[in-house]
Amino acid sequence: KSVGLTKGDRVAAYMANSLESVVAFLATASIGAIWSSCSPEFGVNSVVQRFGQIEPKILIASDGYRYAGKNNDRTKQINQLIEKIPSINHTIIVENIGGGKVDSSDHRTLWNEIVMDEPVLEFERVEFDHPLWILYSSGTTGRPKPIVHGHGGILLEHYKTLSFHLDIQDSDRFFWFTTVGWMMWNVVVSGLLVKATIVLYDGSPTYPNTDKIWEISELTGATYVGLSAPYINACMKNKMVPKDKYKMVDLKGIGSTGAPLSDDGFEWVYSNVKSDV
């Protein structure tokens, strides 16, 4: 609100998968504004193809991200996005890696300056079908197509999926490897609906080795872990046996998305991770 955001305005997030991205989304939803996000490894043209269609009023951007042990400065790309999307009238910068400087102006604010204020929480009442967020098609058959999800419909769908299908409860720690540019990020954030603790990780799933996801699972005590079929295939190829190296006694479920998982992939999980997930 302090930068002029109101109900119905669009917020474009070019952010790492971090605490700040979740807070920014919740703040956006709380005032009836509409969220849309791309991960910072997206190139400028790919982001403009998406955000340019929805005419965002605010851009929230991470100054960079860390992947495979290397910092990737995105301040140049942020400046280009501001130039190429004329609807943006204010930008909030999250100093994720402390990289280069975004061009200074009266219309740029650092995240740390925004969160220093402690306003009284006021939640905007919205209609059942009021837009909550905008996702995008893959763009394989042309320009990515915006897909609008309303507050009521998608919250019911996620509540159903998390509660009935995945059996996520308030005692669970819900971890799914994703970026903010994939719809699974939205599902992970919705874990808050059922009062679960959500686990966020931004980085490579295979650096410094293919164990990374299992290492995080043990470290956080994750009870539900979401992966991709290619990651499981990589574990199989490397002949990994996570159950021999990591203690995942609380793990009750594993999800696989992004591509069909082969029969061998299912068997590998039961034989090498946990037999009763």
C-alpha atoms as a PDB file:
ATOM      1  CA  LYS A   1       0.000   0.000   0.000  1.00  0.00           C
ATOM      2  CA  SER A   2       2.826   2.385   0.784  1.00  0.00           C
ATOM      3  CA  VAL A   3       3.845   2.401  -2.897  1.00  0.00           C
ATOM      4  CA  GLY A   4       0.301   2.922  -4.175  1.00  0.00           C
ATOM      5  CA  LEU A   5      -0.863  -0.650  -4.716  1.00  0.00           C
ATOM      6  CA  THR A   6      -4.633  -1.212  -4.556  1.00  0.00           C
ATOM      7  CA  LYS A   7      -7.212  -3.937  -5.189  1.00  0.00           C
ATOM      8  CA  GLY A   8      -7.050  -5.274  -8.741  1.00  0.00           C
ATOM      9  CA  ASP A   9      -3.522  -4.042  -9.480  1.00  0.00           C
ATOM     10  CA  ARG A  10      -1.069  -6.606 -10.811  1.00  0.00           C
ATOM     11  CA  VAL A  11       2.198  -7.398  -9.030  1.00  0.00           C
ATOM     12  CA  ALA A  12       4.982  -8.980 -11.084  1.00  0.00           C
ATOM     13  CA  ALA A  13       7.570 -10.930  -9.097  1.00  0.00           C
ATOM     14  CA  TYR A  14      10.972 -11.764 -10.588  1.00  0.00           C
ATOM     15  CA  MET A  15      12.220 -13.521  -7.503  1.00  0.00           C
ATOM     16  CA  ALA A  16      14.181 -16.370  -6.020  1.00  0.00           C
ATOM     17  CA  ASN A  17      12.302 -19.056  -4.077  1.00  0.00           C
ATOM     18  CA  SER A  18      12.717 -17.418  -0.696  1.00  0.00           C
ATOM     19  CA  LEU A  19      10.966 -16.181   2.405  1.00  0.00           C
ATOM     20  CA  GLU A  20      10.588 -12.792   0.706  1.00  0.00           C
ATOM     21  CA  SER A  21       8.665 -14.277  -2.224  1.00  0.00           C
ATOM     22  CA  VAL A  22       6.139 -15.915   0.108  1.00  0.00           C
ATOM     23  CA  VAL A  23       5.736 -12.734   2.168  1.00  0.00           C
ATOM     24  CA  ALA A  24       5.334 -10.661  -1.001  1.00  0.00           C
ATOM     25  CA  PHE A  25       2.629 -12.996  -2.298  1.00  0.00           C
ATOM     26  CA  LEU A  26       0.686 -12.983   0.975  1.00  0.00           C
ATOM     27  CA  ALA A  27       0.905  -9.193   1.158  1.00  0.00           C
ATOM     28  CA  THR A  28      -0.333  -8.925  -2.432  1.00  0.00           C
ATOM     29  CA  ALA A  29      -3.295 -11.215  -1.798  1.00  0.00           C
ATOM     30  CA  SER A  30      -4.195  -9.470   1.453  1.00  0.00           C
ATOM     31  CA  ILE A  31      -5.077  -6.227  -0.313  1.00  0.00           C
ATOM     32  CA  GLY A  32      -6.809  -7.808  -3.296  1.00  0.00           C
ATOM     33  CA  ALA A  33      -3.964  -7.209  -5.730  1.00  0.00           C
ATOM     34  CA  ILE A  34      -3.084  -9.922  -8.260  1.00  0.00           C
ATOM     35  CA  TRP A  35       0.166 -11.910  -8.134  1.00  0.00           C
ATOM     36  CA  SER A  36       2.230 -13.251 -11.015  1.00  0.00           C
ATOM     37  CA  SER A  37       5.773 -14.598 -10.874  1.00  0.00           C
ATOM     38  CA  CYS A  38       8.739 -15.703 -12.951  1.00  0.00           C
ATOM     39  CA  SER A  39      11.992 -17.088 -11.605  1.00  0.00           C
ATOM     40  CA  PRO A  40      15.109 -14.930 -12.036  1.00  0.00           C
ATOM     41  CA  GLU A  41      16.884 -17.315 -14.388  1.00  0.00           C
ATOM     42  CA  PHE A  42      14.273 -16.447 -17.042  1.00  0.00           C
ATOM     43  CA  GLY A  43      15.678 -14.249 -19.804  1.00  0.00           C
ATOM     44  CA  VAL A  44      14.344 -10.745 -20.358  1.00  0.00           C
ATOM     45  CA  ASN A  45      12.349 -11.601 -23.492  1.00  0.00           C
ATOM     46  CA  SER A  46      10.672 -14.580 -21.798  1.00  0.00           C
ATOM     47  CA  VAL A  47       9.646 -12.406 -18.860  1.00  0.00           C
ATOM     48  CA  VAL A  48       8.399  -9.558 -21.065  1.00  0.00           C
ATOM     49  CA  GLN A  49       6.303 -12.046 -23.060  1.00  0.00           C
ATOM     50  CA  ARG A  50       4.541 -12.946 -19.816  1.00  0.00           C
ATOM     51  CA  PHE A  51       4.442  -9.810 -17.674  1.00  0.00           C
ATOM     52  CA  GLY A  52       3.938  -7.500 -20.648  1.00  0.00           C
ATOM     53  CA  GLN A  53       0.481  -8.986 -21.217  1.00  0.00           C
ATOM     54  CA  ILE A  54      -0.808  -8.341 -17.684  1.00  0.00           C
ATOM     55  CA  GLU A  55       0.447  -4.745 -17.307  1.00  0.00           C
ATOM     56  CA  PRO A  56       1.841  -4.952 -13.766  1.00  0.00           C
ATOM     57  CA  LYS A  57       1.924  -1.822 -11.638  1.00  0.00           C
ATOM     58  CA  ILE A  58       4.641  -3.068  -9.289  1.00  0.00           C
ATOM     59  CA  LEU A  59       7.742  -5.168  -9.953  1.00  0.00           C
ATOM     60  CA  ILE A  60       9.340  -7.013  -7.038  1.00  0.00           C
ATOM     61  CA  ALA A  61      12.710  -8.422  -8.030  1.00  0.00           C
ATOM     62  CA  SER A  62      15.619 -10.304  -6.483  1.00  0.00           C
ATOM     63  CA  ASP A  63      18.931  -8.693  -7.410  1.00  0.00           C
ATOM     64  CA  GLY A  64      20.207 -12.163  -8.258  1.00  0.00           C
ATOM     65  CA  TYR A  65      20.219 -15.822  -7.322  1.00  0.00           C
ATOM     66  CA  ARG A  66      22.718 -18.501  -6.377  1.00  0.00           C
ATOM     67  CA  TYR A  67      22.904 -21.708  -8.399  1.00  0.00           C
ATOM     68  CA  ALA A  68      25.479 -24.510  -8.381  1.00  0.00           C
ATOM     69  CA  GLY A  69      27.767 -22.538  -6.088  1.00  0.00           C
ATOM     70  CA  LYS A  70      27.773 -19.366  -8.205  1.00  0.00           C
ATOM     71  CA  ASN A  71      26.054 -16.012  -7.726  1.00  0.00           C
ATOM     72  CA  ASN A  72      24.141 -14.760 -10.765  1.00  0.00           C
ATOM     73  CA  ASP A  73      23.621 -10.990 -10.805  1.00  0.00           C
ATOM     74  CA  ARG A  74      20.306  -9.988 -12.450  1.00  0.00           C
ATOM     75  CA  THR A  75      20.376  -6.226 -11.961  1.00  0.00           C
ATOM     76  CA  LYS A  76      21.029  -5.652 -15.669  1.00  0.00           C
ATOM     77  CA  GLN A  77      17.972  -7.738 -16.532  1.00  0.00           C
ATOM     78  CA  ILE A  78      15.853  -5.895 -13.945  1.00  0.00           C
ATOM     79  CA  ASN A  79      16.748  -2.549 -15.502  1.00  0.00           C
ATOM     80  CA  GLN A  80      15.805  -3.923 -18.931  1.00  0.00           C
ATOM     81  CA  LEU A  81      12.452  -5.190 -17.647  1.00  0.00           C
ATOM     82  CA  ILE A  82      11.632  -1.786 -16.184  1.00  0.00           C
ATOM     83  CA  GLU A  83      12.450  -0.213 -19.543  1.00  0.00           C
ATOM     84  CA  LYS A  84      10.491  -2.722 -21.633  1.00  0.00           C
ATOM     85  CA  ILE A  85       7.306  -2.923 -19.498  1.00  0.00           C
ATOM     86  CA  PRO A  86       5.913   0.640 -19.385  1.00  0.00           C
ATOM     87  CA  SER A  87       3.112  -0.168 -16.919  1.00  0.00           C
ATOM     88  CA  ILE A  88       5.638  -0.652 -14.075  1.00  0.00           C
ATOM     89  CA  ASN A  89       5.634   2.510 -11.967  1.00  0.00           C
ATOM     90  CA  HIS A  90       7.476   1.216  -8.901  1.00  0.00           C
ATOM     91  CA  THR A  91      10.096  -1.459  -8.272  1.00  0.00           C
ATOM     92  CA  ILE A  92      11.008  -3.150  -5.002  1.00  0.00           C
ATOM     93  CA  ILE A  93      14.459  -4.738  -4.906  1.00  0.00           C
ATOM     94  CA  VAL A  94      15.269  -7.723  -2.704  1.00  0.00           C
ATOM     95  CA  GLU A  95      19.001  -7.844  -2.008  1.00  0.00           C
ATOM     96  CA  ASN A  96      19.355 -11.596  -2.359  1.00  0.00           C
ATOM     97  CA  ILE A  97      23.045 -11.715  -3.291  1.00  0.00           C
ATOM     98  CA  GLY A  98      24.076  -8.070  -2.906  1.00  0.00           C
ATOM     99  CA  GLY A  99      25.061  -7.795  -6.557  1.00  0.00           C
ATOM    100  CA  GLY A 100      25.152  -4.750  -8.812  1.00  0.00           C
ATOM    101  CA  LYS A 101      23.019  -1.692  -8.390  1.00  0.00           C
ATOM    102  CA  VAL A 102      19.654  -1.181 -10.019  1.00  0.00           C
ATOM    103  CA  ASP A 103      19.382   2.252 -11.643  1.00  0.00           C
ATOM    104  CA  SER A 104      18.352   4.660  -8.902  1.00  0.00           C
ATOM    105  CA  SER A 105      15.201   6.764  -9.004  1.00  0.00           C
ATOM    106  CA  ASP A 106      12.313   7.877  -6.839  1.00  0.00           C
ATOM    107  CA  HIS A 107      10.415   4.824  -8.069  1.00  0.00           C
ATOM    108  CA  ARG A 108      12.768   2.185  -6.635  1.00  0.00           C
ATOM    109  CA  THR A 109      12.647   0.934  -3.059  1.00  0.00           C
ATOM    110  CA  LEU A 110      14.700  -1.665  -1.231  1.00  0.00           C
ATOM    111  CA  TRP A 111      12.769  -4.526   0.360  1.00  0.00           C
ATOM    112  CA  ASN A 112      14.399  -3.875   3.718  1.00  0.00           C
ATOM    113  CA  GLU A 113      13.030  -0.327   3.686  1.00  0.00           C
ATOM    114  CA  ILE A 114       9.490  -1.526   2.966  1.00  0.00           C
ATOM    115  CA  VAL A 115       9.398  -4.094   5.763  1.00  0.00           C
ATOM    116  CA  MET A 116      10.698  -1.670   8.384  1.00  0.00           C
ATOM    117  CA  ASP A 117       7.173  -0.260   8.662  1.00  0.00           C
ATOM    118  CA  GLU A 118       4.701  -2.069  10.920  1.00  0.00           C
ATOM    119  CA  PRO A 119       1.252  -1.090   9.637  1.00  0.00           C
ATOM    120  CA  VAL A 120      -1.954  -2.426  11.151  1.00  0.00           C
ATOM    121  CA  LEU A 121      -3.005  -5.530   9.235  1.00  0.00           C
ATOM    122  CA  GLU A 122      -6.124  -4.892   7.183  1.00  0.00           C
ATOM    123  CA  PHE A 123      -7.457  -7.500   4.779  1.00  0.00           C
ATOM    124  CA  GLU A 124      -9.413  -6.513   1.695  1.00  0.00           C
ATOM    125  CA  ARG A 125     -12.649  -8.436   1.236  1.00  0.00           C
ATOM    126  CA  VAL A 126     -12.876  -9.759  -2.325  1.00  0.00           C
ATOM    127  CA  GLU A 127     -15.420 -11.620  -4.426  1.00  0.00           C
ATOM    128  CA  PHE A 128     -15.208 -15.422  -4.704  1.00  0.00           C
ATOM    129  CA  ASP A 129     -13.930 -15.171  -8.285  1.00  0.00           C
ATOM    130  CA  HIS A 130     -11.639 -12.175  -7.739  1.00  0.00           C
ATOM    131  CA  PRO A 131      -8.248 -12.996  -9.337  1.00  0.00           C
ATOM    132  CA  LEU A 132      -5.637 -14.297  -6.908  1.00  0.00           C
ATOM    133  CA  TRP A 133      -2.762 -15.021  -9.268  1.00  0.00           C
ATOM    134  CA  ILE A 134      -1.881 -15.343 -12.932  1.00  0.00           C
ATOM    135  CA  LEU A 135       0.097 -18.311 -14.233  1.00  0.00           C
ATOM    136  CA  TYR A 136       1.184 -18.981 -17.816  1.00  0.00           C
ATOM    137  CA  SER A 137       1.128 -21.743 -20.384  1.00  0.00           C
ATOM    138  CA  SER A 138       4.484 -23.094 -21.535  1.00  0.00           C
ATOM    139  CA  GLY A 139       4.716 -20.987 -24.673  1.00  0.00           C
ATOM    140  CA  THR A 140       5.546 -23.963 -26.888  1.00  0.00           C
ATOM    141  CA  THR A 141       2.785 -23.068 -29.376  1.00  0.00           C
ATOM    142  CA  GLY A 142       3.285 -19.307 -29.369  1.00  0.00           C
ATOM    143  CA  ARG A 143       3.348 -16.552 -26.810  1.00  0.00           C
ATOM    144  CA  PRO A 144       2.708 -17.856 -23.248  1.00  0.00           C
ATOM    145  CA  LYS A 145      -0.969 -17.516 -22.400  1.00  0.00           C
ATOM    146  CA  PRO A 146      -1.964 -15.969 -19.046  1.00  0.00           C
ATOM    147  CA  ILE A 147      -4.168 -18.214 -16.895  1.00  0.00           C
ATOM    148  CA  VAL A 148      -6.148 -16.454 -14.167  1.00  0.00           C
ATOM    149  CA  HIS A 149      -7.119 -18.290 -10.956  1.00  0.00           C
ATOM    150  CA  GLY A 150      -9.736 -16.778  -8.653  1.00  0.00           C
ATOM    151  CA  HIS A 151      -9.452 -16.705  -4.862  1.00  0.00           C
ATOM    152  CA  GLY A 152     -12.305 -19.091  -4.108  1.00  0.00           C
ATOM    153  CA  GLY A 153     -11.825 -21.700  -6.798  1.00  0.00           C
ATOM    154  CA  ILE A 154      -8.088 -22.286  -6.534  1.00  0.00           C
ATOM    155  CA  LEU A 155      -8.092 -22.211  -2.719  1.00  0.00           C
ATOM    156  CA  LEU A 156     -10.762 -24.907  -2.650  1.00  0.00           C
ATOM    157  CA  GLU A 157      -8.837 -26.940  -5.221  1.00  0.00           C
ATOM    158  CA  HIS A 158      -5.590 -26.691  -3.272  1.00  0.00           C
ATOM    159  CA  TYR A 159      -7.322 -27.373   0.027  1.00  0.00           C
ATOM    160  CA  LYS A 160      -8.787 -30.532  -1.503  1.00  0.00           C
ATOM    161  CA  THR A 161      -5.477 -31.619  -3.046  1.00  0.00           C
ATOM    162  CA  LEU A 162      -3.402 -31.014   0.061  1.00  0.00           C
ATOM    163  CA  SER A 163      -5.873 -32.356   2.612  1.00  0.00           C
ATOM    164  CA  PHE A 164      -7.491 -35.294   0.833  1.00  0.00           C
ATOM    165  CA  HIS A 165      -5.011 -36.338  -1.843  1.00  0.00           C
ATOM    166  CA  LEU A 166      -1.676 -35.687  -0.102  1.00  0.00           C
ATOM    167  CA  ASP A 167      -2.920 -35.845   3.507  1.00  0.00           C
ATOM    168  CA  ILE A 168      -0.878 -32.777   4.471  1.00  0.00           C
ATOM    169  CA  GLN A 169      -1.670 -31.753   8.052  1.00  0.00           C
ATOM    170  CA  ASP A 170      -0.611 -29.050  10.488  1.00  0.00           C
ATOM    171  CA  SER A 171       2.172 -31.258  11.854  1.00  0.00           C
ATOM    172  CA  ASP A 172       3.763 -31.786   8.427  1.00  0.00           C
ATOM    173  CA  ARG A 173       6.820 -30.224   6.838  1.00  0.00           C
ATOM    174  CA  PHE A 174       6.023 -29.834   3.159  1.00  0.00           C
ATOM    175  CA  PHE A 175       8.967 -29.636   0.735  1.00  0.00           C
ATOM    176  CA  TRP A 176       8.730 -29.539  -3.034  1.00  0.00           C
ATOM    177  CA  PHE A 177      11.696 -28.651  -5.194  1.00  0.00           C
ATOM    178  CA  THR A 178      10.494 -25.795  -7.388  1.00  0.00           C
ATOM    179  CA  THR A 179      11.073 -22.224  -8.499  1.00  0.00           C
ATOM    180  CA  VAL A 180       8.582 -19.360  -8.335  1.00  0.00           C
ATOM    181  CA  GLY A 181       8.114 -19.761 -12.087  1.00  0.00           C
ATOM    182  CA  TRP A 182       6.493 -23.200 -11.781  1.00  0.00           C
ATOM    183  CA  MET A 183       2.962 -23.841 -10.562  1.00  0.00           C
ATOM    184  CA  MET A 184       4.259 -26.175  -7.860  1.00  0.00           C
ATOM    185  CA  TRP A 185       5.496 -23.082  -6.020  1.00  0.00           C
ATOM    186  CA  ASN A 186       1.870 -22.005  -5.701  1.00  0.00           C
ATOM    187  CA  VAL A 187       0.980 -25.442  -4.357  1.00  0.00           C
ATOM    188  CA  VAL A 188       3.792 -25.295  -1.799  1.00  0.00           C
ATOM    189  CA  VAL A 189       2.674 -21.873  -0.555  1.00  0.00           C
ATOM    190  CA  SER A 190      -0.846 -23.257  -0.242  1.00  0.00           C
ATOM    191  CA  GLY A 191       0.541 -25.653   2.352  1.00  0.00           C
ATOM    192  CA  LEU A 192      -0.059 -22.737   4.709  1.00  0.00           C
ATOM    193  CA  LEU A 193      -3.798 -23.322   4.169  1.00  0.00           C
ATOM    194  CA  VAL A 194      -3.571 -26.502   6.209  1.00  0.00           C
ATOM    195  CA  LYS A 195      -1.110 -24.943   8.690  1.00  0.00           C
ATOM    196  CA  ALA A 196       1.792 -27.058   7.472  1.00  0.00           C
ATOM    197  CA  THR A 197       5.372 -25.813   7.703  1.00  0.00           C
ATOM    198  CA  ILE A 198       6.626 -25.199   4.178  1.00  0.00           C
ATOM    199  CA  VAL A 199      10.245 -25.826   3.201  1.00  0.00           C
ATOM    200  CA  LEU A 200      11.846 -23.523   0.615  1.00  0.00           C
ATOM    201  CA  TYR A 201      15.026 -24.208  -1.332  1.00  0.00           C
ATOM    202  CA  ASP A 202      16.521 -22.058  -4.068  1.00  0.00           C
ATOM    203  CA  GLY A 203      19.381 -23.624  -5.966  1.00  0.00           C
ATOM    204  CA  SER A 204      20.489 -26.694  -7.867  1.00  0.00           C
ATOM    205  CA  PRO A 205      19.062 -30.090  -6.866  1.00  0.00           C
ATOM    206  CA  THR A 206      22.305 -31.753  -7.949  1.00  0.00           C
ATOM    207  CA  TYR A 207      25.006 -29.476  -6.496  1.00  0.00           C
ATOM    208  CA  PRO A 208      27.481 -30.293  -5.118  1.00  0.00           C
ATOM    209  CA  ASN A 209      26.078 -33.756  -5.791  1.00  0.00           C
ATOM    210  CA  THR A 210      22.806 -35.513  -6.544  1.00  0.00           C
ATOM    211  CA  ASP A 211      22.201 -36.040  -2.817  1.00  0.00           C
ATOM    212  CA  LYS A 212      21.120 -32.423  -2.301  1.00  0.00           C
ATOM    213  CA  ILE A 213      17.350 -32.991  -2.080  1.00  0.00           C
ATOM    214  CA  TRP A 214      17.732 -35.920   0.322  1.00  0.00           C
ATOM    215  CA  GLU A 215      20.169 -33.894   2.424  1.00  0.00           C
ATOM    216  CA  ILE A 216      17.606 -31.084   2.739  1.00  0.00           C
ATOM    217  CA  SER A 217      14.874 -33.599   3.513  1.00  0.00           C
ATOM    218  CA  GLU A 218      16.846 -34.991   6.437  1.00  0.00           C
ATOM    219  CA  LEU A 219      17.978 -31.555   7.631  1.00  0.00           C
ATOM    220  CA  THR A 220      14.434 -30.154   7.742  1.00  0.00           C
ATOM    221  CA  GLY A 221      12.651 -33.317   8.835  1.00  0.00           C
ATOM    222  CA  ALA A 222      10.430 -33.092   5.766  1.00  0.00           C
ATOM    223  CA  THR A 223       7.398 -35.364   5.919  1.00  0.00           C
ATOM    224  CA  TYR A 224       6.371 -34.863   2.290  1.00  0.00           C
ATOM    225  CA  VAL A 225       8.928 -34.368  -0.481  1.00  0.00           C
ATOM    226  CA  GLY A 226       8.140 -33.358  -4.052  1.00  0.00           C
ATOM    227  CA  LEU A 227      10.536 -34.143  -6.888  1.00  0.00           C
ATOM    228  CA  SER A 228      10.584 -34.424 -10.656  1.00  0.00           C
ATOM    229  CA  ALA A 229      10.856 -37.609 -12.685  1.00  0.00           C
ATOM    230  CA  PRO A 230      14.180 -36.458 -14.225  1.00  0.00           C
ATOM    231  CA  TYR A 231      15.648 -36.022 -10.731  1.00  0.00           C
ATOM    232  CA  ILE A 232      14.585 -39.536  -9.730  1.00  0.00           C
ATOM    233  CA  ASN A 233      16.076 -40.833 -12.982  1.00  0.00           C
ATOM    234  CA  ALA A 234      19.353 -39.062 -12.138  1.00  0.00           C
ATOM    235  CA  CYS A 235      19.374 -40.739  -8.728  1.00  0.00           C
ATOM    236  CA  MET A 236      18.816 -44.107 -10.384  1.00  0.00           C
ATOM    237  CA  LYS A 237      21.602 -43.473 -12.894  1.00  0.00           C
ATOM    238  CA  ASN A 238      24.004 -42.644 -10.060  1.00  0.00           C
ATOM    239  CA  LYS A 239      22.945 -45.812  -8.213  1.00  0.00           C
ATOM    240  CA  MET A 240      22.021 -43.821  -5.121  1.00  0.00           C
ATOM    241  CA  VAL A 241      20.579 -45.412  -1.989  1.00  0.00           C
ATOM    242  CA  PRO A 242      19.399 -42.433   0.123  1.00  0.00           C
ATOM    243  CA  LYS A 243      17.989 -44.640   2.885  1.00  0.00           C
ATOM    244  CA  ASP A 244      21.525 -45.829   3.713  1.00  0.00           C
ATOM    245  CA  LYS A 245      22.856 -42.284   4.113  1.00  0.00           C
ATOM    246  CA  TYR A 246      19.973 -40.147   5.367  1.00  0.00           C
ATOM    247  CA  LYS A 247      17.522 -40.548   8.221  1.00  0.00           C
ATOM    248  CA  MET A 248      14.050 -39.817   6.907  1.00  0.00           C
ATOM    249  CA  VAL A 249      11.986 -41.597   9.525  1.00  0.00           C
ATOM    250  CA  ASP A 250       9.198 -39.013   9.354  1.00  0.00           C
ATOM    251  CA  LEU A 251       8.897 -39.116   5.570  1.00  0.00           C
ATOM    252  CA  LYS A 252       5.383 -40.266   4.679  1.00  0.00           C
ATOM    253  CA  GLY A 253       4.995 -39.250   1.053  1.00  0.00           C
ATOM    254  CA  ILE A 254       6.929 -38.521  -2.144  1.00  0.00           C
ATOM    255  CA  GLY A 255       5.471 -36.711  -5.131  1.00  0.00           C
ATOM    256  CA  SER A 256       6.755 -36.723  -8.699  1.00  0.00           C
ATOM    257  CA  THR A 257       5.727 -34.146 -11.291  1.00  0.00           C
ATOM    258  CA  GLY A 258       6.918 -32.535 -14.503  1.00  0.00           C
ATOM    259  CA  ALA A 259       7.051 -35.757 -16.542  1.00  0.00           C
ATOM    260  CA  PRO A 260       5.711 -39.314 -16.318  1.00  0.00           C
ATOM    261  CA  LEU A 261       7.644 -41.502 -13.880  1.00  0.00           C
ATOM    262  CA  SER A 262       8.548 -44.953 -15.159  1.00  0.00           C
ATOM    263  CA  ASP A 263       7.743 -48.187 -13.331  1.00  0.00           C
ATOM    264  CA  ASP A 264      11.452 -48.461 -12.561  1.00  0.00           C
ATOM    265  CA  GLY A 265      11.303 -45.015 -10.953  1.00  0.00           C
ATOM    266  CA  PHE A 266       8.528 -46.090  -8.608  1.00  0.00           C
ATOM    267  CA  GLU A 267      10.417 -49.250  -7.722  1.00  0.00           C
ATOM    268  CA  TRP A 268      13.597 -47.270  -7.064  1.00  0.00           C
ATOM    269  CA  VAL A 269      11.776 -45.025  -4.570  1.00  0.00           C
ATOM    270  CA  TYR A 270      10.322 -47.958  -2.631  1.00  0.00           C
ATOM    271  CA  SER A 271      13.584 -49.913  -2.664  1.00  0.00           C
ATOM    272  CA  ASN A 272      16.088 -47.119  -2.061  1.00  0.00           C
ATOM    273  CA  VAL A 273      14.284 -44.297  -0.237  1.00  0.00           C
ATOM    274  CA  LYS A 274      11.471 -45.693   1.899  1.00  0.00           C
ATOM    275  CA  SER A 275       9.221 -48.691   1.441  1.00  0.00           C
ATOM    276  CA  ASP A 276       6.098 -47.264   3.076  1.00  0.00           C
ATOM    277  CA  VAL A 277       5.660 -43.872   1.387  1.00  0.00           C
END
